[in-house]
Protein backbone atom coordinates (compact mmCIF):
# COMPACT_ATOMS: atom_id res chain seq x y z
CA THR A 1 71.16 135.46 107.40
CA LEU A 2 69.57 135.54 110.92
CA TYR A 3 72.85 135.39 112.83
CA ASP A 4 74.10 138.53 110.99
CA GLN A 5 71.22 140.84 111.91
CA ALA A 6 73.17 142.92 114.44
CA LEU A 7 75.88 143.46 111.85
CA TYR A 8 73.53 145.43 109.63
CA ARG A 9 72.46 147.96 112.34
CA ILE A 10 75.68 149.95 112.03
CA ALA A 11 77.78 151.00 109.07
CA ARG A 12 80.88 152.86 108.05
CA THR A 13 80.29 155.59 105.50
CA GLY A 14 82.40 158.05 103.57
CA ARG A 15 83.23 159.37 100.11
CA VAL A 16 86.09 156.81 100.00
CA LEU A 17 86.42 153.79 102.32
CA ARG A 18 89.69 151.84 102.26
CA TYR A 19 90.74 148.59 103.91
CA ARG A 20 94.11 146.86 103.81
CA VAL A 21 94.21 143.35 105.27
CA ALA A 22 97.33 141.23 105.54
CA VAL A 23 96.70 137.69 104.34
CA ALA A 24 98.47 134.41 103.71
CA PRO A 25 99.92 133.92 100.18
CA SER A 26 97.00 131.91 98.70
CA LEU A 27 93.69 132.45 96.94
CA HIS A 28 90.98 134.10 99.01
CA THR A 29 87.27 134.97 98.92
CA VAL A 30 86.29 138.56 99.74
CA ARG A 31 82.74 139.18 101.00
CA LEU A 32 81.20 142.64 101.37
CA LYS A 33 77.98 143.02 103.33
CA PHE A 34 75.55 145.88 102.89
CA THR A 35 72.04 147.07 103.62
CA GLU A 36 70.43 150.45 102.98
CA LEU A 37 68.64 151.63 106.16
CA TRP A 38 68.90 155.41 105.81
CA LEU A 39 67.96 156.44 102.24
CA ALA A 40 64.38 156.16 101.02
CA ALA A 41 64.73 154.39 97.67
CA PRO A 42 67.02 152.17 95.68
CA GLY A 43 69.62 153.74 93.38
CA GLN A 44 70.55 156.62 95.66
CA ARG A 45 73.94 155.31 96.88
CA PRO A 46 76.01 154.23 93.79
CA MET A 47 79.64 153.34 94.38
CA ASP A 48 82.57 151.74 92.63
CA ILE A 49 84.16 148.85 94.50
CA ALA A 50 87.75 147.93 93.74
CA ILE A 51 89.90 145.08 95.10
CA ASN A 52 93.65 145.36 94.69
CA GLY A 53 93.16 148.29 92.35
CA ARG A 54 90.75 146.49 89.95
CA VAL A 55 87.13 147.73 89.88
CA TRP A 56 84.94 144.65 90.35
CA TRP A 57 81.62 146.57 90.50
CA ALA A 58 80.98 150.03 89.00
CA GLY A 59 77.97 152.18 89.99
CA TRP A 60 76.79 149.38 92.37
CA ASP A 61 73.97 150.30 94.77
CA PRO A 62 73.07 148.14 97.82
CA ALA A 63 69.32 148.79 97.81
CA ALA A 64 69.05 148.30 94.04
CA ALA A 65 70.92 144.99 94.35
CA ALA A 66 68.66 143.86 97.22
CA GLY A 67 65.55 144.99 95.35
CA GLN A 68 64.47 147.40 98.10
CA THR A 69 65.72 149.34 101.09
CA GLY A 70 66.10 147.58 104.41
CA MET A 71 67.20 144.23 102.81
CA ALA A 72 70.74 142.81 102.97
CA ALA A 73 72.93 142.43 99.93
CA GLU A 74 76.25 140.62 99.75
CA LEU A 75 79.00 140.77 97.15
CA ARG A 76 81.56 138.01 96.74
CA ALA A 77 84.83 138.26 94.83
CA GLU A 78 86.95 135.13 94.18
CA PRO A 79 89.60 134.15 93.65
CA VAL A 80 91.59 137.07 95.07
CA SER A 81 95.35 136.86 95.51
CA PRO A 82 97.25 139.18 97.86
CA ASN A 83 99.10 142.07 96.23
CA GLY A 84 102.87 142.54 96.23
CA THR A 85 102.88 143.61 99.92
CA GLY A 86 100.91 140.52 101.08
CA GLN A 87 97.63 142.40 101.45
CA ILE A 88 94.18 142.50 100.01
CA GLU A 89 93.14 146.13 99.51
CA VAL A 90 89.44 146.97 99.23
CA GLU A 91 88.24 150.42 98.23
CA LEU A 92 84.69 151.76 97.98
CA ARG A 93 84.29 155.07 96.26
CA ALA A 94 81.03 157.03 96.20
CA THR A 95 80.04 158.02 92.67
CA GLY A 96 76.80 159.84 93.47
CA GLU A 97 75.44 162.37 95.92
CA HIS A 98 75.56 160.09 98.95
CA GLU A 99 78.54 158.49 100.68
CA ALA A 100 79.62 154.91 100.13
CA ILE A 101 78.52 152.48 102.87
CA LEU A 102 79.70 149.15 104.18
CA GLN A 103 78.42 146.99 107.07
CA GLY A 104 80.87 144.13 106.93
CA LEU A 105 84.00 142.84 105.24
CA GLU A 106 85.03 139.20 105.42
CA ILE A 107 88.12 137.63 103.89
CA GLU A 108 88.54 133.86 103.86
């Protein structure tokens, strides 16, 4: 969306990206925001994305999901409960040549 444009100009990258967020003991929605601004074609940045140890998306690529590079893609997982330590843990693991990428993480 228009108000998110600045969000997509920067990204965190790495072979493995991990986030641990303390949350209230209820059901939550996890949103992950992506865009491919650096690689030339879709399919070059596959990654596995796990939440609380369960892989929700395997071999997922942001440009392939958006249909082209330079376009935003968002994933939504729901309902997500906190784990035994009261956290939601998100892990992105690169499965190809290029590092995993993430522009935004939102938990409601």
